[in-house]
PDB file of N, CA and C in Angstrom:
ATOM      1  N   UNK A   1      16.099  45.740  14.273  1.00  0.00           N
ATOM      2  CA  UNK A   1      15.306  44.886  15.126  1.00  0.00           C
ATOM      3  C   UNK A   1      14.578  43.794  14.326  1.00  0.00           C
ATOM      4  N   UNK A   2      14.008  44.170  13.146  1.00  0.00           N
ATOM      5  CA  UNK A   2      13.297  43.212  12.322  1.00  0.00           C
ATOM      6  C   UNK A   2      14.232  42.123  11.806  1.00  0.00           C
ATOM      7  N   UNK A   3      15.474  42.486  11.504  1.00  0.00           N
ATOM      8  CA  UNK A   3      16.446  41.508  11.021  1.00  0.00           C
ATOM      9  C   UNK A   3      16.756  40.474  12.097  1.00  0.00           C
ATOM     10  N   UNK A   4      16.757  40.891  13.372  1.00  0.00           N
ATOM     11  CA  UNK A   4      17.014  39.970  14.475  1.00  0.00           C
ATOM     12  C   UNK A   4      15.899  38.939  14.573  1.00  0.00           C
ATOM     13  N   UNK A   5      14.641  39.403  14.464  1.00  0.00           N
ATOM     14  CA  UNK A   5      13.515  38.467  14.517  1.00  0.00           C
ATOM     15  C   UNK A   5      13.553  37.486  13.348  1.00  0.00           C
ATOM     16  N   UNK A   6      13.871  38.011  12.180  1.00  0.00           N
ATOM     17  CA  UNK A   6      13.983  37.158  11.006  1.00  0.00           C
ATOM     18  C   UNK A   6      15.097  36.143  11.190  1.00  0.00           C
ATOM     19  N   UNK A   7      16.202  36.594  11.760  1.00  0.00           N
ATOM     20  CA  UNK A   7      17.331  35.707  12.018  1.00  0.00           C
ATOM     21  C   UNK A   7      16.953  34.588  12.986  1.00  0.00           C
ATOM     22  N   UNK A   8      16.106  34.878  13.960  1.00  0.00           N
ATOM     23  CA  UNK A   8      15.670  33.872  14.931  1.00  0.00           C
ATOM     24  C   UNK A   8      14.523  33.019  14.401  1.00  0.00           C
ATOM     25  N   UNK A   9      13.648  33.631  13.611  1.00  0.00           N
ATOM     26  CA  UNK A   9      12.475  32.928  13.108  1.00  0.00           C
ATOM     27  C   UNK A   9      12.835  31.937  12.001  1.00  0.00           C
ATOM     28  N   UNK A  10      13.732  32.298  11.134  1.00  0.00           N
ATOM     29  CA  UNK A  10      14.091  31.442  10.011  1.00  0.00           C
ATOM     30  C   UNK A  10      14.643  30.076  10.456  1.00  0.00           C
ATOM     31  N   UNK A  11      15.604  30.011  11.388  1.00  0.00           N
ATOM     32  CA  UNK A  11      16.077  28.681  11.825  1.00  0.00           C
ATOM     33  C   UNK A  11      14.970  27.860  12.503  1.00  0.00           C
ATOM     34  N   UNK A  12      14.096  28.540  13.259  1.00  0.00           N
ATOM     35  CA  UNK A  12      12.997  27.816  13.906  1.00  0.00           C
ATOM     36  C   UNK A  12      12.063  27.221  12.863  1.00  0.00           C
ATOM     37  N   UNK A  13      11.767  27.978  11.817  1.00  0.00           N
ATOM     38  CA  UNK A  13      10.921  27.492  10.740  1.00  0.00           C
ATOM     39  C   UNK A  13      11.578  26.305  10.028  1.00  0.00           C
ATOM     40  N   UNK A  14      12.857  26.398   9.774  1.00  0.00           N
ATOM     41  CA  UNK A  14      13.579  25.302   9.133  1.00  0.00           C
ATOM     42  C   UNK A  14      13.569  24.039   9.992  1.00  0.00           C
ATOM     43  N   UNK A  15      13.739  24.208  11.290  1.00  0.00           N
ATOM     44  CA  UNK A  15      13.681  23.053  12.188  1.00  0.00           C
ATOM     45  C   UNK A  15      12.302  22.418  12.179  1.00  0.00           C
ATOM     46  N   UNK A  16      11.277  23.261  12.164  1.00  0.00           N
ATOM     47  CA  UNK A  16       9.906  22.751  12.116  1.00  0.00           C
ATOM     48  C   UNK A  16       9.676  21.957  10.841  1.00  0.00           C
ATOM     49  N   UNK A  17      10.073  22.519   9.701  1.00  0.00           N
ATOM     50  CA  UNK A  17       9.901  21.834   8.427  1.00  0.00           C
ATOM     51  C   UNK A  17      10.717  20.549   8.367  1.00  0.00           C
ATOM     52  N   UNK A  18      11.895  20.572   8.944  1.00  0.00           N
ATOM     53  CA  UNK A  18      12.721  19.355   8.976  1.00  0.00           C
ATOM     54  C   UNK A  18      12.032  18.286   9.802  1.00  0.00           C
ATOM     55  N   UNK A  19      11.391  18.675  10.874  1.00  0.00           N
ATOM     56  CA  UNK A  19      10.650  17.721  11.702  1.00  0.00           C
ATOM     57  C   UNK A  19       9.489  17.110  10.952  1.00  0.00           C
ATOM     58  N   UNK A  20       8.812  17.929  10.138  1.00  0.00           N
ATOM     59  CA  UNK A  20       7.715  17.413   9.316  1.00  0.00           C
ATOM     60  C   UNK A  20       8.253  16.416   8.297  1.00  0.00           C
ATOM     61  N   UNK A  21       9.394  16.719   7.728  1.00  0.00           N
ATOM     62  CA  UNK A  21      10.007  15.796   6.771  1.00  0.00           C
ATOM     63  C   UNK A  21      10.380  14.489   7.425  1.00  0.00           C
ATOM     64  N   UNK A  22      10.880  14.529   8.646  1.00  0.00           N
ATOM     65  CA  UNK A  22      11.238  13.306   9.350  1.00  0.00           C
ATOM     66  C   UNK A  22      10.018  12.472   9.648  1.00  0.00           C
ATOM     67  N   UNK A  23       8.880  13.128   9.923  1.00  0.00           N
ATOM     68  CA  UNK A  23       7.652  12.380  10.182  1.00  0.00           C
ATOM     69  C   UNK A  23       7.257  11.596   8.943  1.00  0.00           C
ATOM     70  N   UNK A  24       7.334  12.235   7.775  1.00  0.00           N
ATOM     71  CA  UNK A  24       7.001  11.526   6.549  1.00  0.00           C
ATOM     72  C   UNK A  24       7.962  10.379   6.305  1.00  0.00           C
ATOM     73  N   UNK A  25       9.235  10.581   6.576  1.00  0.00           N
ATOM     74  CA  UNK A  25      10.218   9.524   6.415  1.00  0.00           C
ATOM     75  C   UNK A  25       9.907   8.378   7.366  1.00  0.00           C
ATOM     76  N   UNK A  26       9.548   8.719   8.589  1.00  0.00           N
ATOM     77  CA  UNK A  26       9.197   7.681   9.558  1.00  0.00           C
ATOM     78  C   UNK A  26       8.003   6.882   9.086  1.00  0.00           C
ATOM     79  N   UNK A  27       6.987   7.557   8.531  1.00  0.00           N
ATOM     80  CA  UNK A  27       5.826   6.833   8.036  1.00  0.00           C
ATOM     81  C   UNK A  27       6.211   5.918   6.888  1.00  0.00           C
ATOM     82  N   UNK A  28       7.096   6.374   6.006  1.00  0.00           N
ATOM     83  CA  UNK A  28       7.547   5.518   4.920  1.00  0.00           C
ATOM     84  C   UNK A  28       8.297   4.309   5.456  1.00  0.00           C
ATOM     85  N   UNK A  29       9.126   4.541   6.459  1.00  0.00           N
ATOM     86  CA  UNK A  29       9.865   3.433   7.037  1.00  0.00           C
ATOM     87  C   UNK A  29       8.911   2.447   7.696  1.00  0.00           C
ATOM     88  N   UNK A  30       7.880   2.942   8.355  1.00  0.00           N
ATOM     89  CA  UNK A  30       6.902   2.051   8.971  1.00  0.00           C
ATOM     90  C   UNK A  30       6.192   1.221   7.925  1.00  0.00           C
ATOM     91  N   UNK A  31       5.816   1.835   6.793  1.00  0.00           N
ATOM     92  CA  UNK A  31       5.147   1.094   5.741  1.00  0.00           C
ATOM     93  C   UNK A  31       6.062   0.018   5.182  1.00  0.00           C
ATOM     94  N   UNK A  32       7.316   0.359   4.997  1.00  0.00           N
ATOM     95  CA  UNK A  32       8.261  -0.611   4.470  1.00  0.00           C
ATOM     96  C   UNK A  32       8.498  -1.731   5.474  1.00  0.00           C
ATOM     97  N   UNK A  33       8.645  -1.365   6.732  1.00  0.00           N
ATOM     98  CA  UNK A  33       8.922  -2.360   7.753  1.00  0.00           C
ATOM     99  C   UNK A  33       7.750  -3.305   7.944  1.00  0.00           C
ATOM    100  N   UNK A  34       6.527  -2.815   7.690  1.00  0.00           N
ATOM    101  CA  UNK A  34       5.369  -3.659   7.930  1.00  0.00           C
ATOM    102  C   UNK A  34       5.108  -4.623   6.782  1.00  0.00           C
ATOM    103  N   UNK A  35       5.830  -4.490   5.681  1.00  0.00           N
ATOM    104  CA  UNK A  35       5.601  -5.354   4.541  1.00  0.00           C
ATOM    105  C   UNK A  35       6.605  -6.503   4.527  1.00  0.00           C
ATOM    106  N   UNK A  36       6.525  -7.319   5.542  1.00  0.00           N
ATOM    107  CA  UNK A  36       7.480  -8.409   5.669  1.00  0.00           C
ATOM    108  C   UNK A  36       6.966  -9.718   5.084  1.00  0.00           C
ATOM    109  N   UNK A  37       5.726  -9.726   4.630  1.00  0.00           N
ATOM    110  CA  UNK A  37       5.176 -10.947   4.084  1.00  0.00           C
ATOM    111  C   UNK A  37       4.408 -11.759   5.117  1.00  0.00           C
ATOM    112  N   UNK A  38       4.335 -11.291   6.326  1.00  0.00           N
ATOM    113  CA  UNK A  38       3.532 -11.969   7.328  1.00  0.00           C
ATOM    114  C   UNK A  38       2.171 -11.301   7.385  1.00  0.00           C
ATOM    115  N   UNK A  39       1.148 -12.072   7.690  1.00  0.00           N
ATOM    116  CA  UNK A  39      -0.209 -11.550   7.710  1.00  0.00           C
ATOM    117  C   UNK A  39      -0.340 -10.407   8.703  1.00  0.00           C
ATOM    118  N   UNK A  40      -1.020  -9.352   8.282  1.00  0.00           N
ATOM    119  CA  UNK A  40      -1.224  -8.192   9.127  1.00  0.00           C
ATOM    120  C   UNK A  40      -2.485  -8.321   9.968  1.00  0.00           C
ATOM    121  N   UNK A  41      -3.418  -9.169   9.553  1.00  0.00           N
ATOM    122  CA  UNK A  41      -4.658  -9.400  10.285  1.00  0.00           C
ATOM    123  C   UNK A  41      -4.665 -10.825  10.806  1.00  0.00           C
ATOM    124  N   UNK A  42      -5.014 -10.960  12.043  1.00  0.00           N
ATOM    125  CA  UNK A  42      -5.104 -12.311  12.600  1.00  0.00           C
ATOM    126  C   UNK A  42      -6.554 -12.760  12.716  1.00  0.00           C
ATOM    127  N   UNK A  43      -7.490 -11.819  12.559  1.00  0.00           N
ATOM    128  CA  UNK A  43      -8.909 -12.167  12.611  1.00  0.00           C
ATOM    129  C   UNK A  43      -9.359 -12.745  11.282  1.00  0.00           C
ATOM    130  N   UNK A  44     -10.651 -12.972  11.167  1.00  0.00           N
ATOM    131  CA  UNK A  44     -11.171 -13.545   9.929  1.00  0.00           C
ATOM    132  C   UNK A  44     -11.440 -12.451   8.908  1.00  0.00           C
ATOM    133  N   UNK A  45     -11.082 -12.724   7.680  1.00  0.00           N
ATOM    134  CA  UNK A  45     -11.339 -11.834   6.558  1.00  0.00           C
ATOM    135  C   UNK A  45     -12.298 -12.550   5.623  1.00  0.00           C
ATOM    136  N   UNK A  46     -13.408 -11.913   5.334  1.00  0.00           N
ATOM    137  CA  UNK A  46     -14.428 -12.530   4.493  1.00  0.00           C
ATOM    138  C   UNK A  46     -14.504 -11.812   3.146  1.00  0.00           C
ATOM    139  N   UNK A  47     -15.220 -12.410   2.203  1.00  0.00           N
ATOM    140  CA  UNK A  47     -15.431 -11.758   0.914  1.00  0.00           C
ATOM    141  C   UNK A  47     -16.223 -10.465   1.098  1.00  0.00           C
ATOM    142  N   UNK A  48     -17.071 -10.419   2.103  1.00  0.00           N
ATOM    143  CA  UNK A  48     -17.807  -9.175   2.385  1.00  0.00           C
ATOM    144  C   UNK A  48     -16.833  -8.064   2.785  1.00  0.00           C
ATOM    145  N   UNK A  49     -15.811  -8.418   3.564  1.00  0.00           N
ATOM    146  CA  UNK A  49     -14.779  -7.439   3.928  1.00  0.00           C
ATOM    147  C   UNK A  49     -14.034  -6.964   2.686  1.00  0.00           C
ATOM    148  N   UNK A  50     -13.647  -7.905   1.864  1.00  0.00           N
ATOM    149  CA  UNK A  50     -12.877  -7.599   0.658  1.00  0.00           C
ATOM    150  C   UNK A  50     -13.688  -6.710  -0.283  1.00  0.00           C
ATOM    151  N   UNK A  51     -14.968  -6.996  -0.428  1.00  0.00           N
ATOM    152  CA  UNK A  51     -15.826  -6.254  -1.358  1.00  0.00           C
ATOM    153  C   UNK A  51     -15.910  -4.767  -1.027  1.00  0.00           C
ATOM    154  N   UNK A  52     -15.689  -4.414   0.221  1.00  0.00           N
ATOM    155  CA  UNK A  52     -15.743  -3.003   0.632  1.00  0.00           C
ATOM    156  C   UNK A  52     -14.551  -2.198   0.122  1.00  0.00           C
ATOM    157  N   UNK A  53     -13.524  -2.879  -0.303  1.00  0.00           N
ATOM    158  CA  UNK A  53     -12.272  -2.231  -0.727  1.00  0.00           C
ATOM    159  C   UNK A  53     -12.115  -2.404  -2.237  1.00  0.00           C
ATOM    160  N   UNK A  54     -12.819  -1.570  -2.979  1.00  0.00           N
ATOM    161  CA  UNK A  54     -12.937  -1.789  -4.421  1.00  0.00           C
ATOM    162  C   UNK A  54     -12.622  -0.566  -5.281  1.00  0.00           C
ATOM    163  N   UNK A  55     -11.633   0.200  -4.862  1.00  0.00           N
ATOM    164  CA  UNK A  55     -11.271   1.391  -5.639  1.00  0.00           C
ATOM    165  C   UNK A  55      -9.753   1.480  -5.826  1.00  0.00           C
ATOM    166  N   UNK A  56      -9.337   2.425  -6.626  1.00  0.00           N
ATOM    167  CA  UNK A  56      -7.911   2.600  -6.921  1.00  0.00           C
ATOM    168  C   UNK A  56      -7.103   2.903  -5.664  1.00  0.00           C
ATOM    169  N   UNK A  57      -7.678   3.668  -4.748  1.00  0.00           N
ATOM    170  CA  UNK A  57      -6.956   4.054  -3.540  1.00  0.00           C
ATOM    171  C   UNK A  57      -7.249   3.135  -2.357  1.00  0.00           C
ATOM    172  N   UNK A  58      -8.151   2.199  -2.532  1.00  0.00           N
ATOM    173  CA  UNK A  58      -8.503   1.245  -1.476  1.00  0.00           C
ATOM    174  C   UNK A  58      -8.849  -0.079  -2.145  1.00  0.00           C
ATOM    175  N   UNK A  59      -7.822  -0.849  -2.465  1.00  0.00           N
ATOM    176  CA  UNK A  59      -7.982  -2.045  -3.299  1.00  0.00           C
ATOM    177  C   UNK A  59      -7.491  -3.300  -2.586  1.00  0.00           C
ATOM    178  N   UNK A  60      -8.457  -4.133  -2.191  1.00  0.00           N
ATOM    179  CA  UNK A  60      -8.115  -5.449  -1.657  1.00  0.00           C
ATOM    180  C   UNK A  60      -8.484  -6.476  -2.707  1.00  0.00           C
ATOM    181  N   UNK A  61      -7.656  -7.512  -2.815  1.00  0.00           N
ATOM    182  CA  UNK A  61      -7.945  -8.609  -3.729  1.00  0.00           C
ATOM    183  C   UNK A  61      -7.621  -9.925  -3.050  1.00  0.00           C
ATOM    184  N   UNK A  62      -8.386 -10.945  -3.430  1.00  0.00           N
ATOM    185  CA  UNK A  62      -8.107 -12.300  -2.980  1.00  0.00           C
ATOM    186  C   UNK A  62      -7.379 -13.002  -4.112  1.00  0.00           C
ATOM    187  N   UNK A  63      -6.236 -13.585  -3.789  1.00  0.00           N
ATOM    188  CA  UNK A  63      -5.489 -14.372  -4.762  1.00  0.00           C
ATOM    189  C   UNK A  63      -5.074 -15.663  -4.070  1.00  0.00           C
ATOM    190  N   UNK A  64      -5.562 -16.764  -4.620  1.00  0.00           N
ATOM    191  CA  UNK A  64      -5.261 -18.100  -4.093  1.00  0.00           C
ATOM    192  C   UNK A  64      -5.579 -18.221  -2.597  1.00  0.00           C
ATOM    193  N   UNK A  65      -6.727 -17.688  -2.198  1.00  0.00           N
ATOM    194  CA  UNK A  65      -7.192 -17.839  -0.824  1.00  0.00           C
ATOM    195  C   UNK A  65      -6.571 -16.877   0.179  1.00  0.00           C
ATOM    196  N   UNK A  66      -5.723 -15.969  -0.284  1.00  0.00           N
ATOM    197  CA  UNK A  66      -5.094 -14.987   0.586  1.00  0.00           C
ATOM    198  C   UNK A  66      -5.608 -13.591   0.219  1.00  0.00           C
ATOM    199  N   UNK A  67      -5.778 -12.741   1.222  1.00  0.00           N
ATOM    200  CA  UNK A  67      -6.264 -11.382   0.996  1.00  0.00           C
ATOM    201  C   UNK A  67      -5.069 -10.429   0.990  1.00  0.00           C
ATOM    202  N   UNK A  68      -5.032  -9.605  -0.045  1.00  0.00           N
ATOM    203  CA  UNK A  68      -3.938  -8.651  -0.206  1.00  0.00           C
ATOM    204  C   UNK A  68      -4.496  -7.229  -0.294  1.00  0.00           C
ATOM    205  N   UNK A  69      -3.860  -6.305   0.406  1.00  0.00           N
ATOM    206  CA  UNK A  69      -4.185  -4.889   0.287  1.00  0.00           C
ATOM    207  C   UNK A  69      -3.215  -4.295  -0.725  1.00  0.00           C
ATOM    208  N   UNK A  70      -3.677  -4.152  -1.940  1.00  0.00           N
ATOM    209  CA  UNK A  70      -2.836  -3.665  -3.025  1.00  0.00           C
ATOM    210  C   UNK A  70      -2.933  -2.155  -3.197  1.00  0.00           C
ATOM    211  N   UNK A  71      -3.603  -1.486  -2.277  1.00  0.00           N
ATOM    212  CA  UNK A  71      -3.806  -0.036  -2.370  1.00  0.00           C
ATOM    213  C   UNK A  71      -2.517   0.748  -2.582  1.00  0.00           C
ATOM    214  N   UNK A  72      -1.441   0.454  -1.841  1.00  0.00           N
ATOM    215  CA  UNK A  72      -0.215   1.215  -2.080  1.00  0.00           C
ATOM    216  C   UNK A  72       0.302   1.057  -3.512  1.00  0.00           C
ATOM    217  N   UNK A  73       0.030  -0.075  -4.121  1.00  0.00           N
ATOM    218  CA  UNK A  73       0.487  -0.342  -5.482  1.00  0.00           C
ATOM    219  C   UNK A  73      -0.473   0.254  -6.508  1.00  0.00           C
ATOM    220  N   UNK A  74      -1.778   0.025  -6.327  1.00  0.00           N
ATOM    221  CA  UNK A  74      -2.742   0.506  -7.321  1.00  0.00           C
ATOM    222  C   UNK A  74      -2.842   2.021  -7.340  1.00  0.00           C
ATOM    223  N   UNK A  75      -2.663   2.648  -6.204  1.00  0.00           N
ATOM    224  CA  UNK A  75      -2.796   4.105  -6.147  1.00  0.00           C
ATOM    225  C   UNK A  75      -1.655   4.831  -6.847  1.00  0.00           C
ATOM    226  N   UNK A  76      -0.540   4.149  -7.088  1.00  0.00           N
ATOM    227  CA  UNK A  76       0.594   4.791  -7.768  1.00  0.00           C
ATOM    228  C   UNK A  76       0.460   4.757  -9.284  1.00  0.00           C
ATOM    229  N   UNK A  77      -0.403   3.890  -9.793  1.00  0.00           N
ATOM    230  CA  UNK A  77      -0.588   3.794 -11.230  1.00  0.00           C
ATOM    231  C   UNK A  77       0.594   3.186 -11.959  1.00  0.00           C
ATOM    232  N   UNK A  78       1.380   2.345 -11.280  1.00  0.00           N
ATOM    233  CA  UNK A  78       2.581   1.774 -11.893  1.00  0.00           C
ATOM    234  C   UNK A  78       2.389   0.344 -12.408  1.00  0.00           C
ATOM    235  N   UNK A  79       1.181  -0.169 -12.369  1.00  0.00           N
ATOM    236  CA  UNK A  79       0.924  -1.531 -12.853  1.00  0.00           C
ATOM    237  C   UNK A  79       1.209  -1.587 -14.352  1.00  0.00           C
ATOM    238  N   UNK A  80       2.064  -2.521 -14.776  1.00  0.00           N
ATOM    239  CA  UNK A  80       2.416  -2.605 -16.203  1.00  0.00           C
ATOM    240  C   UNK A  80       1.210  -2.790 -17.115  1.00  0.00           C
ATOM    241  N   UNK A  81       0.145  -3.388 -16.595  1.00  0.00           N
ATOM    242  CA  UNK A  81      -1.074  -3.584 -17.385  1.00  0.00           C
ATOM    243  C   UNK A  81      -2.046  -2.430 -17.278  1.00  0.00           C
ATOM    244  N   UNK A  82      -1.573  -1.322 -16.721  1.00  0.00           N
ATOM    245  CA  UNK A  82      -2.441  -0.153 -16.581  1.00  0.00           C
ATOM    246  C   UNK A  82      -3.525  -0.380 -15.535  1.00  0.00           C
ATOM    247  N   UNK A  83      -4.686   0.169 -15.805  1.00  0.00           N
ATOM    248  CA  UNK A  83      -5.786   0.109 -14.848  1.00  0.00           C
ATOM    249  C   UNK A  83      -6.533  -1.223 -14.855  1.00  0.00           C
ATOM    250  N   UNK A  84      -6.085  -2.195 -15.629  1.00  0.00           N
ATOM    251  CA  UNK A  84      -6.774  -3.488 -15.642  1.00  0.00           C
ATOM    252  C   UNK A  84      -6.803  -4.118 -14.257  1.00  0.00           C
ATOM    253  N   UNK A  85      -5.812  -3.835 -13.441  1.00  0.00           N
ATOM    254  CA  UNK A  85      -5.752  -4.377 -12.089  1.00  0.00           C
ATOM    255  C   UNK A  85      -6.931  -3.887 -11.248  1.00  0.00           C
ATOM    256  N   UNK A  86      -7.447  -2.711 -11.573  1.00  0.00           N
ATOM    257  CA  UNK A  86      -8.532  -2.116 -10.795  1.00  0.00           C
ATOM    258  C   UNK A  86      -9.843  -2.865 -10.959  1.00  0.00           C
ATOM    259  N   UNK A  87     -10.008  -3.571 -12.059  1.00  0.00           N
ATOM    260  CA  UNK A  87     -11.234  -4.327 -12.299  1.00  0.00           C
ATOM    261  C   UNK A  87     -11.433  -5.420 -11.256  1.00  0.00           C
ATOM    262  N   UNK A  88     -10.352  -5.856 -10.634  1.00  0.00           N
ATOM    263  CA  UNK A  88     -10.439  -6.949  -9.667  1.00  0.00           C
ATOM    264  C   UNK A  88     -10.433  -6.472  -8.215  1.00  0.00           C
ATOM    265  N   UNK A  89     -10.388  -5.171  -7.995  1.00  0.00           N
ATOM    266  CA  UNK A  89     -10.423  -4.665  -6.621  1.00  0.00           C
ATOM    267  C   UNK A  89     -11.741  -5.076  -5.965  1.00  0.00           C
ATOM    268  N   UNK A  90     -11.648  -5.600  -4.763  1.00  0.00           N
ATOM    269  CA  UNK A  90     -12.839  -6.025  -4.029  1.00  0.00           C
ATOM    270  C   UNK A  90     -13.363  -7.385  -4.430  1.00  0.00           C
ATOM    271  N   UNK A  91     -12.557  -8.156  -5.172  1.00  0.00           N
ATOM    272  CA  UNK A  91     -13.025  -9.456  -5.661  1.00  0.00           C
ATOM    273  C   UNK A  91     -11.969 -10.541  -5.435  1.00  0.00           C
ATOM    274  N   UNK A  92     -12.360 -11.764  -5.794  1.00  0.00           N
ATOM    275  CA  UNK A  92     -11.389 -12.856  -5.857  1.00  0.00           C
ATOM    276  C   UNK A  92     -10.737 -12.752  -7.232  1.00  0.00           C
ATOM    277  N   UNK A  93      -9.506 -12.350  -7.258  1.00  0.00           N
ATOM    278  CA  UNK A  93      -8.789 -12.079  -8.502  1.00  0.00           C
ATOM    279  C   UNK A  93      -7.906 -13.240  -8.937  1.00  0.00           C
ATOM    280  N   UNK A  94      -8.095 -14.397  -8.340  1.00  0.00           N
ATOM    281  CA  UNK A  94      -7.220 -15.539  -8.629  1.00  0.00           C
ATOM    282  C   UNK A  94      -7.171 -15.862 -10.116  1.00  0.00           C
ATOM    283  N   UNK A  95      -8.323 -16.003 -10.746  1.00  0.00           N
ATOM    284  CA  UNK A  95      -8.357 -16.378 -12.164  1.00  0.00           C
ATOM    285  C   UNK A  95      -7.673 -15.320 -13.023  1.00  0.00           C
ATOM    286  N   UNK A  96      -7.959 -14.048 -12.763  1.00  0.00           N
ATOM    287  CA  UNK A  96      -7.346 -12.968 -13.543  1.00  0.00           C
ATOM    288  C   UNK A  96      -5.837 -12.945 -13.340  1.00  0.00           C
ATOM    289  N   UNK A  97      -5.401 -13.164 -12.106  1.00  0.00           N
ATOM    290  CA  UNK A  97      -3.972 -13.161 -11.789  1.00  0.00           C
ATOM    291  C   UNK A  97      -3.263 -14.310 -12.493  1.00  0.00           C
ATOM    292  N   UNK A  98      -3.863 -15.481 -12.454  1.00  0.00           N
ATOM    293  CA  UNK A  98      -3.216 -16.669 -13.013  1.00  0.00           C
ATOM    294  C   UNK A  98      -3.191 -16.686 -14.530  1.00  0.00           C
ATOM    295  N   UNK A  99      -4.075 -15.940 -15.188  1.00  0.00           N
ATOM    296  CA  UNK A  99      -4.089 -15.947 -16.655  1.00  0.00           C
ATOM    297  C   UNK A  99      -2.968 -15.113 -17.259  1.00  0.00           C
ATOM    298  N   UNK A 100      -2.307 -14.309 -16.442  1.00  0.00           N
ATOM    299  CA  UNK A 100      -1.203 -13.482 -16.932  1.00  0.00           C
ATOM    300  C   UNK A 100       0.103 -14.187 -16.583  1.00  0.00           C
ATOM    301  N   UNK A 101       0.774 -14.714 -17.588  1.00  0.00           N
ATOM    302  CA  UNK A 101       2.004 -15.469 -17.375  1.00  0.00           C
ATOM    303  C   UNK A 101       3.096 -14.679 -16.671  1.00  0.00           C
ATOM    304  N   UNK A 102       3.137 -13.375 -16.896  1.00  0.00           N
ATOM    305  CA  UNK A 102       4.168 -12.539 -16.282  1.00  0.00           C
ATOM    306  C   UNK A 102       4.022 -12.465 -14.765  1.00  0.00           C
ATOM    307  N   UNK A 103       2.867 -12.789 -14.248  1.00  0.00           N
ATOM    308  CA  UNK A 103       2.657 -12.730 -12.804  1.00  0.00           C
ATOM    309  C   UNK A 103       3.463 -13.789 -12.053  1.00  0.00           C
ATOM    310  N   UNK A 104       3.947 -14.797 -12.732  1.00  0.00           N
ATOM    311  CA  UNK A 104       4.729 -15.845 -12.072  1.00  0.00           C
ATOM    312  C   UNK A 104       6.070 -15.338 -11.553  1.00  0.00           C
ATOM    313  N   UNK A 105       6.543 -14.251 -12.056  1.00  0.00           N
ATOM    314  CA  UNK A 105       7.841 -13.716 -11.651  1.00  0.00           C
ATOM    315  C   UNK A 105       7.733 -12.616 -10.615  1.00  0.00           C
ATOM    316  N   UNK A 106       7.903 -11.396 -11.078  1.00  0.00           N
ATOM    317  CA  UNK A 106       7.968 -10.244 -10.189  1.00  0.00           C
ATOM    318  C   UNK A 106       6.690 -10.046  -9.376  1.00  0.00           C
ATOM    319  N   UNK A 107       5.544 -10.185 -10.003  1.00  0.00           N
ATOM    320  CA  UNK A 107       4.273  -9.973  -9.287  1.00  0.00           C
ATOM    321  C   UNK A 107       4.119 -10.973  -8.148  1.00  0.00           C
ATOM    322  N   UNK A 108       4.463 -12.211  -8.397  1.00  0.00           N
ATOM    323  CA  UNK A 108       4.362 -13.240  -7.355  1.00  0.00           C
ATOM    324  C   UNK A 108       5.318 -12.917  -6.204  1.00  0.00           C
ATOM    325  N   UNK A 109       6.480 -12.402  -6.527  1.00  0.00           N
ATOM    326  CA  UNK A 109       7.451 -12.044  -5.498  1.00  0.00           C
ATOM    327  C   UNK A 109       7.008 -10.832  -4.686  1.00  0.00           C
ATOM    328  N   UNK A 110       6.218  -9.954  -5.291  1.00  0.00           N
ATOM    329  CA  UNK A 110       5.744  -8.752  -4.604  1.00  0.00           C
ATOM    330  C   UNK A 110       4.567  -9.025  -3.662  1.00  0.00           C
ATOM    331  N   UNK A 111       3.773 -10.024  -3.960  1.00  0.00           N
ATOM    332  CA  UNK A 111       2.544 -10.268  -3.194  1.00  0.00           C
ATOM    333  C   UNK A 111       2.724 -10.349  -1.684  1.00  0.00           C
ATOM    334  N   UNK A 112       3.738 -11.020  -1.162  1.00  0.00           N
ATOM    335  CA  UNK A 112       3.865 -11.094   0.300  1.00  0.00           C
ATOM    336  C   UNK A 112       3.956  -9.730   0.981  1.00  0.00           C
ATOM    337  N   UNK A 113       4.411  -8.724   0.242  1.00  0.00           N
ATOM    338  CA  UNK A 113       4.494  -7.379   0.804  1.00  0.00           C
ATOM    339  C   UNK A 113       3.134  -6.780   1.117  1.00  0.00           C
ATOM    340  N   UNK A 114       2.096  -7.304   0.488  1.00  0.00           N
ATOM    341  CA  UNK A 114       0.753  -6.743   0.628  1.00  0.00           C
ATOM    342  C   UNK A 114      -0.221  -7.669   1.365  1.00  0.00           C
ATOM    343  N   UNK A 115       0.288  -8.758   1.908  1.00  0.00           N
ATOM    344  CA  UNK A 115      -0.565  -9.758   2.544  1.00  0.00           C
ATOM    345  C   UNK A 115      -1.259  -9.227   3.785  1.00  0.00           C
ATOM    346  N   UNK A 116      -2.581  -9.401   3.815  1.00  0.00           N
ATOM    347  CA  UNK A 116      -3.365  -9.084   5.010  1.00  0.00           C
ATOM    348  C   UNK A 116      -3.629 -10.335   5.831  1.00  0.00           C
ATOM    349  N   UNK A 117      -3.984 -11.414   5.147  1.00  0.00           N
ATOM    350  CA  UNK A 117      -4.259 -12.665   5.852  1.00  0.00           C
ATOM    351  C   UNK A 117      -5.059 -13.601   4.973  1.00  0.00           C
ATOM    352  N   UNK A 118      -5.454 -14.724   5.540  1.00  0.00           N
ATOM    353  CA  UNK A 118      -6.188 -15.744   4.802  1.00  0.00           C
ATOM    354  C   UNK A 118      -7.672 -15.402   4.735  1.00  0.00           C
ATOM    355  N   UNK A 119      -8.277 -15.731   3.610  1.00  0.00           N
ATOM    356  CA  UNK A 119      -9.712 -15.579   3.442  1.00  0.00           C
ATOM    357  C   UNK A 119     -10.412 -16.678   4.236  1.00  0.00           C
ATOM    358  N   UNK A 120     -11.411 -16.328   4.980  1.00  0.00           N
ATOM    359  CA  UNK A 120     -12.172 -17.319   5.768  1.00  0.00           C
ATOM    360  C   UNK A 120     -13.340 -17.845   4.988  1.00  0.00           C
TER     361      UNK A 120
END
């Protein structure tokens, strides 16, 4: 009798876990789909708004008058310059961004993926 319950319970558990995995995949797909380079906020974004997002897991930066939510990038710790990027979280990082020549290539191409909108 116990083997029958186990036989019925195991597939149900696997289906449940598979459903949880699909939810995570869906969330990843949503994050990827939302990074099209178009502004995610249509309202006004101020420096006061940006200043509230000043940590590794919640990092907004202003670069050339545009506000970017770099949290997905900063939280992974994959920045080639290490944690130096964190010093600019919650600030206008234009000067810091422009002083690094390497930012003209890959970093510049990545920015539209994190665009929130224009700084007011």
